[in-house]
Amino acid sequence: MEINKVAINHFQDIATNYRTIFFDAFGVLKNHRGVISGIEKTFRFLDEHDIDYYILTNDASRSPEELSYAYISQGIKQLTPDKIISSGMLARDWLKLKVKEGTVAYLGTEQSAKYIEDAGLKTMAAKDLDGNTEDVRCLAFLDDEGFSWTNDLNKVVNFLRNNNVPVIVANTDINYPVSNNDVAVAIGSLSNLVEKVVGKKFIRFGKPDVQMFMFGFEKACKNRIVKKNEILMVGDTLFTDIIGGNKFGIDTALVLSGNTLPKMADIRITSSGIIPNYVCPSILMEEYRQARLRVVN
């Protein structure tokens, strides 16, 4: 995993400098195959060193309970629902405050619509927007699955052209990894497209927005009082995880196990001007152990 100019750190060497760590999900803890094998050893390491941790994810496809179950069922018992902070939770809280009654139309899966239901509101899938829409008070982009990209996106465009309702985007990610080398278009990209077509400004939640990090910071402080310089954000994407952490004033670590490929890391960092405090191959303990063996030998 050699790259030209960026110094490579091992996650375990830097983790003990912090009392709380925020992790992104895709590309850090899991990939297109599921939870990355061996990640459970990292969380045992963090527990042994009394380091607190939370998952800050732009995944609004499922509830925190469902997201947590995916980790627990694969052996990471520590990642209970209270450890999950999703952009969908921010969207839910906004809906509670701003939309008192009525229906929220959405793009996404039925599971993602739970964030709307938790706000006490009715739901309408985008495919049904050609019916009675008088009660629709808001439209939400939640997930890139569960709808027809052609038909339902066109329905959303025409609904927004003819109705003046707020639009929220609960996942700002523009892509996500589907293999070692390939990515797929995420809901953030689709919302950007529709926003351009209809000429309206959407309300966005999730990284890199500072509100996401403030939400995590406040939750972390309920467990133990920490200062910003005692928190590390670990992510695989410069334009969400790293710049978001930088803007919030916490240290950041870019891992090369997801969106940012090792061969492109130096170029991406240099061209973007988004500079993480650290660059790590991944957060796996096995890579740390192998690196130590190479030093000893």
Protein backbone atom coordinates (compact mmCIF):
# COMPACT_ATOMS: atom_id res chain seq x y z
CA MET A 1 0.00 0.00 0.00
CA GLU A 2 2.79 2.44 -0.75
CA ILE A 3 1.99 5.93 -1.95
CA ASN A 4 4.34 8.68 -2.92
CA LYS A 5 4.35 11.39 -0.25
CA VAL A 6 1.76 10.72 2.45
CA ALA A 7 3.18 9.10 5.58
CA ILE A 8 1.38 5.89 6.54
CA ASN A 9 0.40 5.35 10.17
CA HIS A 10 -0.96 2.26 11.88
CA PHE A 11 -4.30 2.85 13.51
CA GLN A 12 -3.40 1.23 16.83
CA ASP A 13 -0.37 3.52 17.16
CA ILE A 14 -2.56 6.64 17.05
CA ALA A 15 -5.80 5.38 18.65
CA THR A 16 -4.45 5.47 22.18
CA ASN A 17 -3.90 9.24 21.87
CA TYR A 18 -7.68 9.73 22.04
CA ARG A 19 -10.50 9.10 24.51
CA THR A 20 -13.29 8.91 21.92
CA ILE A 21 -13.25 7.81 18.28
CA PHE A 22 -15.90 8.43 15.62
CA PHE A 23 -15.95 5.85 12.83
CA ASP A 24 -17.53 6.07 9.41
CA ALA A 25 -19.25 2.82 8.41
CA PHE A 26 -18.75 2.00 4.69
CA GLY A 27 -15.12 1.61 3.77
CA VAL A 28 -13.99 1.58 7.41
CA LEU A 29 -16.00 -1.08 9.25
CA LYS A 30 -17.72 -2.75 6.32
CA ASN A 31 -17.52 -3.07 2.56
CA HIS A 32 -19.56 -4.58 -0.26
CA ARG A 33 -19.20 -8.02 1.34
CA GLY A 34 -20.39 -6.94 4.78
CA VAL A 35 -18.48 -6.28 7.99
CA ILE A 36 -14.73 -6.43 7.32
CA SER A 37 -13.26 -9.63 8.75
CA GLY A 38 -11.16 -9.03 11.87
CA ILE A 39 -12.74 -5.69 12.87
CA GLU A 40 -13.96 -7.23 16.15
CA LYS A 41 -10.33 -7.39 17.34
CA THR A 42 -10.05 -3.63 16.93
CA PHE A 43 -13.03 -3.03 19.19
CA ARG A 44 -11.61 -5.37 21.81
CA PHE A 45 -8.41 -3.31 21.63
CA LEU A 46 -10.39 -0.09 22.15
CA ASP A 47 -12.26 -1.59 25.11
CA GLU A 48 -9.01 -2.74 26.70
CA HIS A 49 -7.68 0.83 26.48
CA ASP A 50 -10.92 2.45 27.70
CA ILE A 51 -11.47 4.29 24.41
CA ASP A 52 -15.09 5.18 23.71
CA TYR A 53 -16.46 4.97 20.14
CA TYR A 54 -19.45 5.77 17.97
CA ILE A 55 -20.45 5.16 14.36
CA LEU A 56 -21.19 8.37 12.42
CA THR A 57 -22.84 7.23 9.22
CA ASN A 58 -24.69 8.86 6.34
CA ASP A 59 -26.61 5.61 5.92
CA ALA A 60 -30.31 6.43 6.22
CA SER A 61 -31.45 3.14 4.70
CA ARG A 62 -32.21 1.49 8.04
CA SER A 63 -32.90 2.42 11.65
CA PRO A 64 -30.09 2.46 14.26
CA GLU A 65 -31.50 -0.79 15.63
CA GLU A 66 -31.26 -2.50 12.23
CA LEU A 67 -27.82 -1.04 11.54
CA SER A 68 -26.65 -2.25 14.95
CA TYR A 69 -28.01 -5.76 14.38
CA ALA A 70 -25.90 -6.09 11.21
CA TYR A 71 -22.76 -5.64 13.35
CA ILE A 72 -23.90 -7.67 16.35
CA SER A 73 -24.94 -10.61 14.17
CA GLN A 74 -21.41 -10.70 12.76
CA GLY A 75 -19.67 -10.76 16.12
CA ILE A 76 -19.24 -7.10 17.07
CA LYS A 77 -21.37 -7.15 20.21
CA GLN A 78 -20.18 -3.70 21.32
CA LEU A 79 -21.97 -1.82 18.52
CA THR A 80 -25.37 -1.53 20.19
CA PRO A 81 -27.99 0.92 18.84
CA ASP A 82 -26.83 3.66 21.23
CA LYS A 83 -23.45 3.59 19.43
CA ILE A 84 -25.03 4.40 16.05
CA ILE A 85 -25.47 8.01 14.93
CA SER A 86 -27.03 8.18 11.48
CA SER A 87 -27.94 11.12 9.26
CA GLY A 88 -31.48 9.73 9.29
CA MET A 89 -31.69 10.62 12.98
CA LEU A 90 -30.99 14.27 12.15
CA ALA A 91 -33.65 14.20 9.43
CA ARG A 92 -36.12 12.64 11.88
CA ASP A 93 -35.51 15.37 14.47
CA TRP A 94 -35.91 18.09 11.83
CA LEU A 95 -39.23 16.59 10.72
CA LYS A 96 -40.46 16.55 14.32
CA LEU A 97 -39.72 20.24 14.63
CA LYS A 98 -40.74 21.51 11.21
CA VAL A 99 -43.49 19.22 9.92
CA LYS A 100 -46.20 18.88 12.54
CA GLU A 101 -48.66 16.79 10.53
CA GLY A 102 -49.42 15.32 7.14
CA THR A 103 -47.48 13.08 4.77
CA VAL A 104 -43.82 12.97 3.77
CA ALA A 105 -43.06 11.53 0.34
CA TYR A 106 -39.76 9.68 0.11
CA LEU A 107 -37.24 8.03 -2.17
CA GLY A 108 -35.87 4.88 -0.61
CA THR A 109 -36.73 1.56 0.96
CA GLU A 110 -39.62 0.89 3.30
CA GLN A 111 -37.04 0.43 6.08
CA SER A 112 -35.67 3.93 5.49
CA ALA A 113 -39.19 5.38 5.83
CA LYS A 114 -39.08 4.44 9.51
CA TYR A 115 -37.30 7.74 10.20
CA ILE A 116 -40.41 9.52 8.94
CA GLU A 117 -42.75 7.28 10.91
CA ASP A 118 -40.71 7.89 14.06
CA ALA A 119 -41.43 11.59 13.61
CA GLY A 120 -45.15 10.78 13.84
CA LEU A 121 -45.87 11.42 10.17
CA LYS A 122 -47.46 9.46 7.35
CA THR A 123 -45.34 8.20 4.46
CA MET A 124 -45.79 8.02 0.70
CA ALA A 125 -43.34 6.27 -1.62
CA ALA A 126 -42.21 8.27 -4.65
CA LYS A 127 -43.91 5.80 -6.97
CA ASP A 128 -47.29 6.98 -5.61
CA LEU A 129 -46.74 10.67 -6.29
CA ASP A 130 -49.02 10.58 -9.33
CA GLY A 131 -51.96 10.03 -6.99
CA ASN A 132 -53.47 12.35 -4.37
CA THR A 133 -50.61 14.52 -3.10
CA GLU A 134 -52.55 17.31 -1.39
CA ASP A 135 -51.46 16.07 2.04
CA VAL A 136 -47.75 15.88 1.16
CA ARG A 137 -45.90 18.43 3.32
CA CYS A 138 -42.30 17.47 2.55
CA LEU A 139 -40.18 15.24 0.33
CA ALA A 140 -37.23 13.22 1.64
CA PHE A 141 -34.29 11.60 -0.14
CA LEU A 142 -33.44 8.65 2.12
CA ASP A 143 -31.85 5.77 0.25
CA ASP A 144 -30.64 4.89 -3.25
CA GLU A 145 -32.62 1.62 -3.33
CA GLY A 146 -36.28 0.67 -3.29
CA PHE A 147 -37.49 2.76 -6.22
CA SER A 148 -37.29 3.09 -10.00
CA TRP A 149 -34.50 5.48 -10.87
CA THR A 150 -36.24 6.50 -14.11
CA ASN A 151 -39.95 6.58 -13.30
CA ASP A 152 -39.80 7.63 -9.66
CA LEU A 153 -37.15 10.30 -10.16
CA ASN A 154 -39.25 11.81 -12.93
CA LYS A 155 -42.27 11.79 -10.62
CA VAL A 156 -40.23 13.57 -7.96
CA VAL A 157 -39.03 16.18 -10.45
CA ASN A 158 -42.53 16.96 -11.69
CA PHE A 159 -44.00 16.97 -8.19
CA LEU A 160 -41.42 19.52 -7.06
CA ARG A 161 -41.94 21.65 -10.16
CA ASN A 162 -45.61 21.97 -9.26
CA ASN A 163 -45.52 21.99 -5.45
CA ASN A 164 -43.65 24.29 -3.07
CA VAL A 165 -42.67 21.95 -0.23
CA PRO A 166 -39.35 21.60 1.62
CA VAL A 167 -37.00 18.84 0.46
CA ILE A 168 -34.61 17.10 2.83
CA VAL A 169 -31.66 14.85 1.96
CA ALA A 170 -30.83 12.38 4.72
CA ASN A 171 -27.74 10.95 3.02
CA THR A 172 -25.26 13.31 1.36
CA ASP A 173 -22.93 10.55 0.10
CA ILE A 174 -22.40 10.77 -3.66
CA ASN A 175 -21.16 7.18 -3.99
CA TYR A 176 -20.28 4.07 -1.99
CA PRO A 177 -17.95 1.12 -2.65
CA VAL A 178 -19.41 -2.02 -4.21
CA SER A 179 -16.12 -3.83 -4.86
CA ASN A 180 -12.42 -3.33 -4.27
CA ASN A 181 -12.22 -0.95 -7.23
CA ASP A 182 -15.77 0.12 -8.10
CA VAL A 183 -18.37 2.45 -6.58
CA ALA A 184 -22.11 2.95 -7.07
CA VAL A 185 -24.12 6.16 -7.24
CA ALA A 186 -25.60 7.12 -3.86
CA ILE A 187 -28.68 9.18 -3.00
CA GLY A 188 -26.59 12.33 -2.52
CA SER A 189 -25.78 12.33 -6.23
CA LEU A 190 -29.42 11.81 -7.16
CA SER A 191 -30.52 14.70 -4.94
CA ASN A 192 -27.90 16.94 -6.57
CA LEU A 193 -29.30 16.03 -9.98
CA VAL A 194 -32.91 16.74 -9.02
CA GLU A 195 -31.95 19.97 -7.25
CA LYS A 196 -30.30 21.18 -10.45
CA VAL A 197 -33.30 20.23 -12.59
CA VAL A 198 -35.97 21.88 -10.44
CA GLY A 199 -33.87 24.89 -9.43
CA LYS A 200 -34.66 24.65 -5.72
CA LYS A 201 -32.41 24.45 -2.67
CA PHE A 202 -32.60 21.26 -0.59
CA ILE A 203 -31.88 20.83 3.11
CA ARG A 204 -29.09 18.32 3.72
CA PHE A 205 -28.13 16.27 6.77
CA GLY A 206 -25.05 14.18 7.46
CA LYS A 207 -21.34 14.52 6.95
CA PRO A 208 -19.64 16.86 6.13
CA ASP A 209 -22.23 19.08 7.83
CA VAL A 210 -21.01 20.21 11.24
CA GLN A 211 -24.42 19.40 12.75
CA MET A 212 -23.66 15.69 12.38
CA PHE A 213 -20.47 16.03 14.38
CA MET A 214 -22.14 18.19 17.02
CA PHE A 215 -24.80 15.50 17.42
CA GLY A 216 -22.06 12.91 17.95
CA PHE A 217 -20.09 15.20 20.28
CA GLU A 218 -23.11 15.83 22.50
CA LYS A 219 -23.91 12.12 22.65
CA ALA A 220 -20.30 11.24 23.49
CA CYS A 221 -20.26 13.82 26.30
CA LYS A 222 -23.31 12.19 27.90
CA ASN A 223 -21.16 9.11 28.46
CA ARG A 224 -17.96 10.93 29.44
CA ILE A 225 -16.89 14.56 29.24
CA VAL A 226 -14.41 14.93 26.39
CA LYS A 227 -12.76 17.85 24.67
CA LYS A 228 -12.54 18.16 20.90
CA ASN A 229 -8.80 17.50 20.97
CA GLU A 230 -9.54 14.12 22.58
CA ILE A 231 -11.70 12.94 19.65
CA LEU A 232 -10.58 11.30 16.39
CA MET A 233 -12.74 10.96 13.26
CA VAL A 234 -11.87 7.93 11.11
CA GLY A 235 -13.21 7.80 7.57
CA ASP A 236 -12.46 6.70 4.02
CA THR A 237 -13.64 9.80 2.16
CA LEU A 238 -11.96 13.21 2.10
CA PHE A 239 -15.06 15.17 1.09
CA THR A 240 -17.34 13.93 3.88
CA ASP A 241 -15.51 12.31 6.79
CA ILE A 242 -12.23 14.21 6.72
CA ILE A 243 -13.34 17.72 5.77
CA GLY A 244 -16.28 17.40 8.17
CA GLY A 245 -14.03 16.45 11.06
CA ASN A 246 -11.55 19.18 10.11
CA LYS A 247 -14.30 21.82 10.07
CA PHE A 248 -15.61 20.68 13.45
CA GLY A 249 -12.13 21.00 14.91
CA ILE A 250 -11.30 17.37 15.70
CA ASP A 251 -8.38 15.26 14.45
CA THR A 252 -8.98 13.04 11.44
CA ALA A 253 -7.59 9.79 10.05
CA LEU A 254 -8.10 8.74 6.43
CA VAL A 255 -8.17 4.98 5.89
CA LEU A 256 -7.37 3.41 2.52
CA SER A 257 -9.81 0.51 2.83
CA GLY A 258 -12.74 2.17 1.06
CA ASN A 259 -13.40 5.07 -1.31
CA THR A 260 -9.87 6.45 -1.32
CA LEU A 261 -7.60 3.99 -3.09
CA PRO A 262 -3.98 3.76 -1.88
CA LYS A 263 -2.56 4.67 -5.29
CA MET A 264 -4.74 7.82 -5.43
CA ALA A 265 -4.43 9.04 -1.83
CA ASP A 266 -1.53 11.42 -2.34
CA ILE A 267 -3.08 12.94 -5.48
CA ARG A 268 -6.49 13.36 -3.84
CA ILE A 269 -5.07 14.99 -0.72
CA THR A 270 -2.81 17.31 -2.69
CA SER A 271 -5.42 18.37 -5.26
CA SER A 272 -8.26 18.85 -2.77
CA GLY A 273 -6.30 20.57 -0.02
CA ILE A 274 -8.22 18.43 2.48
CA ILE A 275 -5.50 17.22 4.82
CA PRO A 276 -6.09 14.49 7.43
CA ASN A 277 -3.91 14.30 10.52
CA TYR A 278 -3.16 10.66 9.71
CA VAL A 279 -3.40 8.17 6.87
CA CYS A 280 -3.83 4.48 7.77
CA PRO A 281 -4.14 1.37 5.58
CA SER A 282 -7.19 0.35 7.64
CA ILE A 283 -8.20 -0.09 11.29
CA LEU A 284 -7.46 -3.82 11.30
CA MET A 285 -5.37 -5.25 14.14
CA GLU A 286 -3.95 -7.90 11.79
CA GLU A 287 -2.22 -5.28 9.66
CA TYR A 288 -0.83 -3.75 12.83
CA ARG A 289 0.48 -7.14 13.99
CA GLN A 290 2.11 -7.88 10.64
CA ALA A 291 3.77 -4.46 10.60
CA ARG A 292 5.20 -5.09 14.07
CA LEU A 293 6.53 -8.49 12.96
CA ARG A 294 8.30 -6.86 10.00
CA VAL A 295 9.94 -4.37 12.36
CA VAL A 296 11.08 -7.13 14.75
CA ASN A 297 12.42 -9.28 11.94
